[in-house]
Amino acid sequence: MAERAMRHLSLPTWSRTLEWSVMGLVVAILVVAFMHYTRVLQGQGEYAAVRSTLGALRTALVIDRLQRVTAKISNTGAADAVLNEPRNPFELLQQRPANYSGLASRQQAEMVLPGTWVFDPACPCIGYRPLDDRWFDSPSGELMAWFQLQGAPGPLQLTGKEVYRWQGQLLD
């Protein structure tokens, strides 16, 4: 037994150094892999949040249209021209998203903070600038995804100005 303990103590130091180096390398690889998958997961979370906001805005536009039509039918509402008047869809929500930063034009896209929504009344369009440009792919190379309000004679719809991709998935 004592001989076995002596043999363990007499291992060369390069062997222990090699063991610790291998262990450090394995830990470093695991940390890098974890960081990569964390970034991918963050991108998927942001994609889900963007789609959720687009869905809420589209629903608000339909509800607004129905309210205007019923008001017109009951003769208490506005004329036909007002039914399809493009407005800021963020104003139709009960509560605006925390990352809505207000009005901005397409020319001001570089000044828009990443991760925020804007409305361009001249277009009329809503825009979103992603937190990380690597997740977002625009055919024209734009920094933001732009969705235009259109849809006369029916309810206004939000349609993409281009075919946008987010981590390879279609963003509509």
N, C-alpha and C. Protein backbone atom coordinates (compact mmCIF):
# COMPACT_ATOMS: atom_id res chain seq x y z
N MET A 1 0.82 -1.18 0.00
CA MET A 1 0.00 0.00 0.00
C MET A 1 0.87 1.25 0.00
N ALA A 2 1.88 1.27 0.84
CA ALA A 2 2.78 2.42 0.93
C ALA A 2 3.53 2.59 -0.39
N GLU A 3 3.86 1.45 -1.02
CA GLU A 3 4.57 1.51 -2.29
C GLU A 3 3.69 2.15 -3.37
N ARG A 4 2.42 1.84 -3.34
CA ARG A 4 1.47 2.41 -4.29
C ARG A 4 1.35 3.93 -4.11
N ALA A 5 1.29 4.40 -2.89
CA ALA A 5 1.21 5.83 -2.59
C ALA A 5 2.47 6.54 -3.06
N MET A 6 3.61 5.90 -2.89
CA MET A 6 4.87 6.50 -3.33
C MET A 6 4.91 6.62 -4.85
N ARG A 7 4.35 5.61 -5.54
CA ARG A 7 4.34 5.65 -6.99
C ARG A 7 3.46 6.81 -7.49
N HIS A 8 2.33 7.04 -6.81
CA HIS A 8 1.42 8.13 -7.16
C HIS A 8 2.10 9.49 -6.96
N LEU A 9 2.86 9.64 -5.92
CA LEU A 9 3.53 10.89 -5.64
C LEU A 9 4.68 11.16 -6.60
N SER A 10 5.20 10.11 -7.19
CA SER A 10 6.36 10.30 -8.05
C SER A 10 6.00 10.49 -9.53
N LEU A 11 4.73 10.75 -9.86
CA LEU A 11 4.35 11.01 -11.24
C LEU A 11 5.06 12.27 -11.73
N PRO A 12 5.49 12.29 -12.96
CA PRO A 12 6.17 13.48 -13.49
C PRO A 12 5.22 14.68 -13.51
N THR A 13 5.76 15.86 -13.31
CA THR A 13 4.94 17.07 -13.27
C THR A 13 4.38 17.41 -14.64
N TRP A 14 5.04 17.02 -15.72
CA TRP A 14 4.51 17.30 -17.05
C TRP A 14 3.19 16.57 -17.26
N SER A 15 3.02 15.42 -16.61
CA SER A 15 1.78 14.67 -16.73
C SER A 15 0.62 15.45 -16.09
N ARG A 16 0.86 16.01 -14.92
CA ARG A 16 -0.18 16.81 -14.26
C ARG A 16 -0.46 18.09 -15.06
N THR A 17 0.57 18.69 -15.59
CA THR A 17 0.40 19.89 -16.41
C THR A 17 -0.44 19.56 -17.64
N LEU A 18 -0.17 18.42 -18.25
CA LEU A 18 -0.94 17.99 -19.41
C LEU A 18 -2.40 17.75 -19.04
N GLU A 19 -2.63 17.10 -17.90
CA GLU A 19 -4.00 16.85 -17.45
C GLU A 19 -4.76 18.16 -17.24
N TRP A 20 -4.14 19.12 -16.60
CA TRP A 20 -4.80 20.41 -16.35
C TRP A 20 -5.00 21.18 -17.65
N SER A 21 -4.06 21.05 -18.58
CA SER A 21 -4.21 21.72 -19.87
C SER A 21 -5.39 21.15 -20.65
N VAL A 22 -5.49 19.83 -20.66
CA VAL A 22 -6.62 19.18 -21.34
C VAL A 22 -7.94 19.59 -20.68
N MET A 23 -7.94 19.60 -19.35
CA MET A 23 -9.15 20.00 -18.63
C MET A 23 -9.51 21.46 -18.95
N GLY A 24 -8.54 22.35 -18.99
CA GLY A 24 -8.79 23.75 -19.33
C GLY A 24 -9.32 23.90 -20.74
N LEU A 25 -8.76 23.12 -21.68
CA LEU A 25 -9.21 23.16 -23.07
C LEU A 25 -10.66 22.70 -23.19
N VAL A 26 -11.01 21.64 -22.51
CA VAL A 26 -12.39 21.13 -22.53
C VAL A 26 -13.35 22.18 -21.97
N VAL A 27 -12.98 22.80 -20.86
CA VAL A 27 -13.83 23.84 -20.26
C VAL A 27 -13.96 25.03 -21.21
N ALA A 28 -12.87 25.43 -21.85
CA ALA A 28 -12.92 26.56 -22.79
C ALA A 28 -13.83 26.25 -23.98
N ILE A 29 -13.75 25.03 -24.51
CA ILE A 29 -14.62 24.63 -25.62
C ILE A 29 -16.08 24.65 -25.19
N LEU A 30 -16.37 24.15 -24.01
CA LEU A 30 -17.74 24.16 -23.50
C LEU A 30 -18.26 25.58 -23.31
N VAL A 31 -17.42 26.48 -22.82
CA VAL A 31 -17.84 27.87 -22.63
C VAL A 31 -18.14 28.53 -23.97
N VAL A 32 -17.29 28.31 -24.98
CA VAL A 32 -17.50 28.89 -26.30
C VAL A 32 -18.79 28.34 -26.92
N ALA A 33 -19.01 27.03 -26.80
CA ALA A 33 -20.25 26.44 -27.33
C ALA A 33 -21.48 27.00 -26.61
N PHE A 34 -21.39 27.16 -25.31
CA PHE A 34 -22.50 27.73 -24.53
C PHE A 34 -22.79 29.16 -24.98
N MET A 35 -21.74 29.95 -25.19
CA MET A 35 -21.93 31.34 -25.62
C MET A 35 -22.59 31.40 -27.00
N HIS A 36 -22.17 30.50 -27.91
CA HIS A 36 -22.75 30.46 -29.25
C HIS A 36 -24.25 30.14 -29.17
N TYR A 37 -24.60 29.11 -28.44
CA TYR A 37 -26.01 28.73 -28.35
C TYR A 37 -26.83 29.77 -27.59
N THR A 38 -26.22 30.49 -26.69
CA THR A 38 -26.92 31.58 -26.00
C THR A 38 -27.26 32.69 -26.98
N ARG A 39 -26.32 33.04 -27.87
CA ARG A 39 -26.59 34.07 -28.88
C ARG A 39 -27.69 33.61 -29.85
N VAL A 40 -27.65 32.35 -30.25
CA VAL A 40 -28.69 31.82 -31.15
C VAL A 40 -30.05 31.89 -30.46
N LEU A 41 -30.10 31.51 -29.21
CA LEU A 41 -31.35 31.55 -28.45
C LEU A 41 -31.85 32.98 -28.26
N GLN A 42 -30.95 33.92 -28.05
CA GLN A 42 -31.35 35.33 -27.95
C GLN A 42 -31.96 35.80 -29.27
N GLY A 43 -31.37 35.40 -30.37
CA GLY A 43 -31.91 35.76 -31.68
C GLY A 43 -33.29 35.17 -31.91
N GLN A 44 -33.50 33.93 -31.49
CA GLN A 44 -34.81 33.31 -31.62
C GLN A 44 -35.84 33.99 -30.72
N GLY A 45 -35.41 34.41 -29.55
CA GLY A 45 -36.31 35.12 -28.65
C GLY A 45 -36.72 36.47 -29.22
N GLU A 46 -35.77 37.18 -29.81
CA GLU A 46 -36.09 38.47 -30.42
C GLU A 46 -37.01 38.28 -31.63
N TYR A 47 -36.76 37.24 -32.41
CA TYR A 47 -37.62 36.93 -33.56
C TYR A 47 -39.06 36.68 -33.11
N ALA A 48 -39.22 35.93 -32.03
CA ALA A 48 -40.56 35.67 -31.49
C ALA A 48 -41.21 36.96 -31.00
N ALA A 49 -40.44 37.83 -30.37
CA ALA A 49 -40.99 39.10 -29.88
C ALA A 49 -41.41 40.00 -31.04
N VAL A 50 -40.62 40.03 -32.11
CA VAL A 50 -40.96 40.84 -33.29
C VAL A 50 -42.24 40.32 -33.92
N ARG A 51 -42.35 39.01 -34.09
CA ARG A 51 -43.56 38.43 -34.68
C ARG A 51 -44.77 38.67 -33.80
N SER A 52 -44.58 38.61 -32.49
CA SER A 52 -45.68 38.87 -31.56
C SER A 52 -46.17 40.31 -31.68
N THR A 53 -45.23 41.25 -31.76
CA THR A 53 -45.60 42.66 -31.91
C THR A 53 -46.31 42.89 -33.23
N LEU A 54 -45.81 42.29 -34.32
CA LEU A 54 -46.48 42.43 -35.61
C LEU A 54 -47.89 41.86 -35.55
N GLY A 55 -48.06 40.74 -34.88
CA GLY A 55 -49.39 40.15 -34.73
C GLY A 55 -50.33 41.05 -33.94
N ALA A 56 -49.82 41.66 -32.87
CA ALA A 56 -50.65 42.57 -32.07
C ALA A 56 -51.05 43.79 -32.89
N LEU A 57 -50.12 44.31 -33.69
CA LEU A 57 -50.43 45.48 -34.52
C LEU A 57 -51.46 45.13 -35.60
N ARG A 58 -51.31 43.97 -36.21
CA ARG A 58 -52.27 43.54 -37.24
C ARG A 58 -53.66 43.34 -36.64
N THR A 59 -53.72 42.76 -35.47
CA THR A 59 -55.00 42.57 -34.78
C THR A 59 -55.62 43.92 -34.44
N ALA A 60 -54.81 44.86 -33.96
CA ALA A 60 -55.32 46.19 -33.62
C ALA A 60 -55.86 46.90 -34.86
N LEU A 61 -55.23 46.71 -36.01
CA LEU A 61 -55.72 47.33 -37.24
C LEU A 61 -57.08 46.76 -37.65
N VAL A 62 -57.26 45.45 -37.51
CA VAL A 62 -58.54 44.82 -37.85
C VAL A 62 -59.63 45.29 -36.90
N ILE A 63 -59.34 45.31 -35.61
CA ILE A 63 -60.33 45.76 -34.62
C ILE A 63 -60.70 47.22 -34.86
N ASP A 64 -59.72 48.05 -35.17
CA ASP A 64 -59.98 49.46 -35.47
C ASP A 64 -60.90 49.58 -36.68
N ARG A 65 -60.64 48.80 -37.70
CA ARG A 65 -61.48 48.83 -38.91
C ARG A 65 -62.92 48.42 -38.56
N LEU A 66 -63.08 47.36 -37.78
CA LEU A 66 -64.42 46.92 -37.40
C LEU A 66 -65.15 47.97 -36.58
N GLN A 67 -64.45 48.63 -35.69
CA GLN A 67 -65.07 49.69 -34.89
C GLN A 67 -65.50 50.86 -35.77
N ARG A 68 -64.69 51.20 -36.75
CA ARG A 68 -65.03 52.31 -37.65
C ARG A 68 -66.23 51.95 -38.53
N VAL A 69 -66.26 50.70 -39.01
CA VAL A 69 -67.38 50.28 -39.86
C VAL A 69 -68.67 50.26 -39.05
N THR A 70 -68.64 49.72 -37.85
CA THR A 70 -69.86 49.69 -37.03
C THR A 70 -70.29 51.10 -36.65
N ALA A 71 -69.36 51.99 -36.42
CA ALA A 71 -69.72 53.38 -36.12
C ALA A 71 -70.36 54.03 -37.33
N LYS A 72 -69.86 53.71 -38.52
CA LYS A 72 -70.43 54.27 -39.75
C LYS A 72 -71.83 53.72 -39.99
N ILE A 73 -72.01 52.43 -39.73
CA ILE A 73 -73.33 51.82 -39.93
C ILE A 73 -74.35 52.44 -38.99
N SER A 74 -73.94 52.71 -37.78
CA SER A 74 -74.87 53.30 -36.82
C SER A 74 -74.97 54.82 -36.96
N ASN A 75 -74.37 55.35 -38.04
CA ASN A 75 -74.42 56.78 -38.35
C ASN A 75 -73.82 57.68 -37.27
N THR A 76 -72.92 57.17 -36.51
CA THR A 76 -72.25 58.01 -35.52
C THR A 76 -70.79 58.21 -35.86
N GLY A 77 -70.35 57.63 -36.97
CA GLY A 77 -68.92 57.65 -37.26
C GLY A 77 -68.55 58.54 -38.43
N ALA A 78 -67.34 58.31 -38.90
CA ALA A 78 -66.74 59.13 -39.95
C ALA A 78 -67.15 58.67 -41.33
N ALA A 79 -66.74 59.42 -42.31
CA ALA A 79 -67.05 59.12 -43.70
C ALA A 79 -66.16 58.00 -44.23
N ASP A 80 -66.43 57.57 -45.50
CA ASP A 80 -65.67 56.48 -46.11
C ASP A 80 -64.18 56.77 -46.17
N ALA A 81 -63.81 58.00 -46.43
CA ALA A 81 -62.39 58.35 -46.57
C ALA A 81 -61.63 58.08 -45.28
N VAL A 82 -62.29 58.20 -44.16
CA VAL A 82 -61.61 58.01 -42.88
C VAL A 82 -61.42 56.53 -42.57
N LEU A 83 -62.24 55.65 -43.19
CA LEU A 83 -62.15 54.23 -42.89
C LEU A 83 -60.77 53.65 -43.18
N ASN A 84 -60.15 54.09 -44.26
CA ASN A 84 -58.85 53.53 -44.64
C ASN A 84 -57.72 54.52 -44.47
N GLU A 85 -57.91 55.51 -43.66
CA GLU A 85 -56.86 56.49 -43.42
C GLU A 85 -55.73 55.84 -42.63
N PRO A 86 -54.52 55.78 -43.20
CA PRO A 86 -53.42 55.16 -42.46
C PRO A 86 -53.06 55.99 -41.23
N ARG A 87 -53.01 55.32 -40.10
CA ARG A 87 -52.60 55.97 -38.86
C ARG A 87 -51.49 55.14 -38.24
N ASN A 88 -50.91 55.69 -37.22
CA ASN A 88 -49.87 54.99 -36.50
C ASN A 88 -50.51 53.82 -35.76
N PRO A 89 -50.19 52.58 -36.16
CA PRO A 89 -50.84 51.43 -35.51
C PRO A 89 -50.45 51.28 -34.04
N PHE A 90 -49.34 51.87 -33.63
CA PHE A 90 -48.95 51.79 -32.22
C PHE A 90 -49.93 52.56 -31.34
N GLU A 91 -50.60 53.57 -31.91
CA GLU A 91 -51.59 54.33 -31.15
C GLU A 91 -52.86 53.53 -30.91
N LEU A 92 -53.06 52.46 -31.67
CA LEU A 92 -54.25 51.63 -31.51
C LEU A 92 -54.11 50.62 -30.37
N LEU A 93 -52.89 50.38 -29.94
CA LEU A 93 -52.66 49.41 -28.86
C LEU A 93 -53.04 50.01 -27.52
N GLN A 94 -53.53 49.17 -26.61
CA GLN A 94 -53.84 49.65 -25.27
C GLN A 94 -52.58 50.13 -24.57
N GLN A 95 -51.52 49.40 -24.80
CA GLN A 95 -50.23 49.76 -24.19
C GLN A 95 -49.15 49.63 -25.26
N ARG A 96 -48.43 50.70 -25.49
CA ARG A 96 -47.36 50.66 -26.49
C ARG A 96 -46.21 49.80 -25.98
N PRO A 97 -45.51 49.13 -26.91
CA PRO A 97 -44.35 48.36 -26.49
C PRO A 97 -43.29 49.26 -25.84
N ALA A 98 -42.59 48.73 -24.89
CA ALA A 98 -41.55 49.50 -24.20
C ALA A 98 -40.44 49.92 -25.16
N ASN A 99 -40.25 49.17 -26.23
CA ASN A 99 -39.19 49.49 -27.17
C ASN A 99 -39.69 50.27 -28.39
N TYR A 100 -40.83 50.94 -28.26
CA TYR A 100 -41.32 51.84 -29.31
C TYR A 100 -40.71 53.21 -29.06
N SER A 101 -39.99 53.74 -30.07
CA SER A 101 -39.29 55.01 -29.84
C SER A 101 -39.92 56.20 -30.56
N GLY A 102 -41.05 56.01 -31.24
CA GLY A 102 -41.74 57.15 -31.84
C GLY A 102 -41.60 57.22 -33.35
N LEU A 103 -41.58 58.45 -33.86
CA LEU A 103 -41.54 58.69 -35.29
C LEU A 103 -40.10 58.77 -35.80
N ALA A 104 -39.88 58.16 -36.96
CA ALA A 104 -38.57 58.24 -37.62
C ALA A 104 -38.75 57.85 -39.08
N SER A 105 -38.00 58.47 -39.95
CA SER A 105 -38.08 58.14 -41.37
C SER A 105 -37.05 57.07 -41.72
N ARG A 106 -37.17 56.55 -42.93
CA ARG A 106 -36.21 55.53 -43.38
C ARG A 106 -34.81 56.10 -43.46
N GLN A 107 -34.71 57.40 -43.73
CA GLN A 107 -33.40 58.03 -43.82
C GLN A 107 -32.73 58.13 -42.45
N GLN A 108 -33.50 58.07 -41.39
CA GLN A 108 -32.97 58.15 -40.03
C GLN A 108 -32.69 56.78 -39.43
N ALA A 109 -32.66 55.74 -40.24
CA ALA A 109 -32.52 54.37 -39.75
C ALA A 109 -31.24 54.17 -38.93
N GLU A 110 -30.17 54.83 -39.32
CA GLU A 110 -28.91 54.66 -38.60
C GLU A 110 -28.96 55.25 -37.19
N MET A 111 -29.84 56.23 -36.98
CA MET A 111 -29.94 56.87 -35.67
C MET A 111 -30.88 56.12 -34.73
N VAL A 112 -31.67 55.20 -35.27
CA VAL A 112 -32.60 54.42 -34.45
C VAL A 112 -31.79 53.42 -33.63
N LEU A 113 -32.09 53.36 -32.35
CA LEU A 113 -31.39 52.42 -31.47
C LEU A 113 -31.74 50.98 -31.83
N PRO A 114 -30.78 50.07 -31.76
CA PRO A 114 -31.09 48.66 -32.00
C PRO A 114 -32.13 48.15 -31.01
N GLY A 115 -33.03 47.32 -31.53
CA GLY A 115 -34.06 46.73 -30.68
C GLY A 115 -35.29 47.61 -30.50
N THR A 116 -35.48 48.62 -31.36
CA THR A 116 -36.62 49.52 -31.20
C THR A 116 -37.49 49.57 -32.45
N TRP A 117 -38.76 49.91 -32.22
CA TRP A 117 -39.76 50.11 -33.26
C TRP A 117 -39.93 51.60 -33.53
N VAL A 118 -40.23 51.95 -34.79
CA VAL A 118 -40.52 53.33 -35.15
C VAL A 118 -41.70 53.34 -36.14
N PHE A 119 -42.28 54.52 -36.31
CA PHE A 119 -43.34 54.72 -37.31
C PHE A 119 -42.91 55.86 -38.22
N ASP A 120 -43.02 55.63 -39.53
CA ASP A 120 -42.71 56.65 -40.53
C ASP A 120 -44.02 57.10 -41.17
N PRO A 121 -44.54 58.28 -40.80
CA PRO A 121 -45.83 58.72 -41.33
C PRO A 121 -45.80 59.04 -42.83
N ALA A 122 -44.65 59.36 -43.38
CA ALA A 122 -44.55 59.68 -44.80
C ALA A 122 -44.77 58.45 -45.67
N CYS A 123 -44.44 57.29 -45.19
CA CYS A 123 -44.48 56.05 -45.97
C CYS A 123 -45.91 55.51 -46.17
N PRO A 124 -46.81 55.35 -45.31
CA PRO A 124 -46.74 55.08 -43.87
C PRO A 124 -46.26 53.66 -43.61
N CYS A 125 -45.24 53.54 -42.77
CA CYS A 125 -44.60 52.26 -42.48
C CYS A 125 -44.21 52.19 -41.01
N ILE A 126 -44.08 50.97 -40.52
CA ILE A 126 -43.44 50.77 -39.23
C ILE A 126 -42.11 50.09 -39.50
N GLY A 127 -41.14 50.35 -38.66
CA GLY A 127 -39.82 49.77 -38.84
C GLY A 127 -39.30 49.20 -37.54
N TYR A 128 -38.47 48.17 -37.66
CA TYR A 128 -37.83 47.57 -36.49
C TYR A 128 -36.36 47.38 -36.81
N ARG A 129 -35.51 47.81 -35.88
CA ARG A 129 -34.06 47.61 -36.03
C ARG A 129 -33.63 46.52 -35.06
N PRO A 130 -33.10 45.41 -35.58
CA PRO A 130 -32.69 44.29 -34.72
C PRO A 130 -31.54 44.65 -33.80
N LEU A 131 -31.48 43.93 -32.69
CA LEU A 131 -30.39 44.12 -31.73
C LEU A 131 -29.05 43.72 -32.34
N ASP A 132 -29.04 42.65 -33.10
CA ASP A 132 -27.80 42.13 -33.68
C ASP A 132 -28.01 41.98 -35.19
N ASP A 133 -27.20 42.66 -35.99
CA ASP A 133 -27.34 42.62 -37.45
C ASP A 133 -27.10 41.24 -38.04
N ARG A 134 -26.38 40.38 -37.33
CA ARG A 134 -26.08 39.05 -37.86
C ARG A 134 -27.33 38.19 -37.96
N TRP A 135 -28.35 38.48 -37.18
CA TRP A 135 -29.58 37.68 -37.20
C TRP A 135 -30.48 38.04 -38.37
N PHE A 136 -30.33 39.25 -38.87
CA PHE A 136 -31.29 39.83 -39.81
C PHE A 136 -30.69 39.92 -41.20
N ASP A 137 -31.48 39.54 -42.23
CA ASP A 137 -31.01 39.60 -43.61
C ASP A 137 -32.04 40.33 -44.45
N SER A 138 -31.62 41.44 -45.04
CA SER A 138 -32.46 42.23 -45.93
C SER A 138 -31.84 42.18 -47.33
N PRO A 139 -32.63 41.87 -48.37
CA PRO A 139 -32.07 41.81 -49.72
C PRO A 139 -31.36 43.09 -50.15
N SER A 140 -31.86 44.24 -49.71
CA SER A 140 -31.25 45.52 -50.10
C SER A 140 -30.13 45.94 -49.15
N GLY A 141 -29.94 45.20 -48.06
CA GLY A 141 -28.90 45.55 -47.10
C GLY A 141 -29.33 46.59 -46.08
N GLU A 142 -30.63 46.87 -45.98
CA GLU A 142 -31.11 47.85 -45.00
C GLU A 142 -30.87 47.36 -43.58
N LEU A 143 -30.74 48.31 -42.67
CA LEU A 143 -30.54 47.99 -41.26
C LEU A 143 -31.82 47.59 -40.56
N MET A 144 -32.96 47.99 -41.12
CA MET A 144 -34.25 47.80 -40.47
C MET A 144 -35.20 47.01 -41.35
N ALA A 145 -36.15 46.35 -40.70
CA ALA A 145 -37.26 45.71 -41.40
C ALA A 145 -38.40 46.72 -41.45
N TRP A 146 -38.90 46.99 -42.64
CA TRP A 146 -39.98 47.96 -42.81
C TRP A 146 -41.24 47.24 -43.29
N PHE A 147 -42.37 47.60 -42.67
CA PHE A 147 -43.67 47.02 -43.00
C PHE A 147 -44.63 48.16 -43.32
N GLN A 148 -45.19 48.14 -44.53
CA GLN A 148 -46.04 49.24 -44.99
C GLN A 148 -47.51 48.96 -44.67
N LEU A 149 -48.22 50.03 -44.30
CA LEU A 149 -49.66 49.98 -44.08
C LEU A 149 -50.35 50.11 -45.43
N GLN A 150 -51.14 49.11 -45.81
CA GLN A 150 -51.89 49.17 -47.06
C GLN A 150 -53.09 48.25 -46.93
N GLY A 151 -54.05 48.39 -47.84
CA GLY A 151 -55.16 47.47 -47.78
C GLY A 151 -56.51 48.00 -48.17
N ALA A 152 -56.60 49.15 -48.82
CA ALA A 152 -57.91 49.61 -49.25
C ALA A 152 -58.45 48.61 -50.27
N PRO A 153 -59.70 48.24 -50.26
CA PRO A 153 -60.82 48.77 -49.53
C PRO A 153 -61.07 48.08 -48.19
N GLY A 154 -60.34 47.05 -47.87
CA GLY A 154 -60.57 46.35 -46.60
C GLY A 154 -59.77 46.94 -45.47
N PRO A 155 -59.59 46.15 -44.42
CA PRO A 155 -58.81 46.65 -43.28
C PRO A 155 -57.34 46.82 -43.68
N LEU A 156 -56.70 47.76 -43.04
CA LEU A 156 -55.28 48.00 -43.31
C LEU A 156 -54.46 46.79 -42.87
N GLN A 157 -53.44 46.48 -43.64
CA GLN A 157 -52.55 45.37 -43.35
C GLN A 157 -51.12 45.87 -43.29
N LEU A 158 -50.28 45.12 -42.60
CA LEU A 158 -48.84 45.39 -42.56
C LEU A 158 -48.16 44.37 -43.46
N THR A 159 -47.55 44.85 -44.54
CA THR A 159 -46.84 43.95 -45.45
C THR A 159 -45.39 44.40 -45.56
N GLY A 160 -44.50 43.44 -45.59
CA GLY A 160 -43.08 43.74 -45.67
C GLY A 160 -42.72 44.45 -46.96
N LYS A 161 -41.84 45.43 -46.87
CA LYS A 161 -41.36 46.14 -48.06
C LYS A 161 -40.45 45.23 -48.89
N GLU A 162 -39.84 44.25 -48.22
CA GLU A 162 -38.96 43.28 -48.87
C GLU A 162 -39.24 41.92 -48.24
N VAL A 163 -38.57 40.90 -48.74
CA VAL A 163 -38.64 39.58 -48.12
C VAL A 163 -37.49 39.49 -47.12
N TYR A 164 -37.82 39.64 -45.86
CA TYR A 164 -36.81 39.64 -44.81
C TYR A 164 -36.63 38.24 -44.24
N ARG A 165 -35.39 37.96 -43.84
CA ARG A 165 -35.08 36.68 -43.20
C ARG A 165 -34.43 36.95 -41.85
N TRP A 166 -34.75 36.10 -40.89
CA TRP A 166 -34.22 36.22 -39.53
C TRP A 166 -33.68 34.85 -39.15
N GLN A 167 -32.38 34.72 -39.07
CA GLN A 167 -31.71 33.45 -38.82
C GLN A 167 -32.23 32.39 -39.80
N GLY A 168 -32.42 32.78 -41.05
CA GLY A 168 -32.87 31.87 -42.09
C GLY A 168 -34.38 31.71 -42.17
N GLN A 169 -35.12 32.21 -41.20
CA GLN A 169 -36.58 32.08 -41.20
C GLN A 169 -37.21 33.34 -41.80
N LEU A 170 -38.33 33.15 -42.48
CA LEU A 170 -39.04 34.26 -43.10
C LEU A 170 -39.66 35.14 -42.03
N LEU A 171 -39.44 36.44 -42.14
CA LEU A 171 -40.05 37.41 -41.23
C LEU A 171 -41.15 38.13 -41.99
N ASP A 172 -42.38 37.81 -41.66
CA ASP A 172 -43.51 38.42 -42.37
C ASP A 172 -44.43 39.06 -41.39
